Amino acid sequence: MLRALESNGIFEKLIILSVMTNLIEKS
């Protein structure tokens, strides 16, 4: 359970980082 939650958190952070970089590049 904990490992799954940790992996999900890491994936969410990676997605957020990619979205943020995309927004910065567009602007």
Foldseek 3Di string as FASTA:
>chain_A
DVVVVVVVVVVVVVVVVVVVVVVVVVD
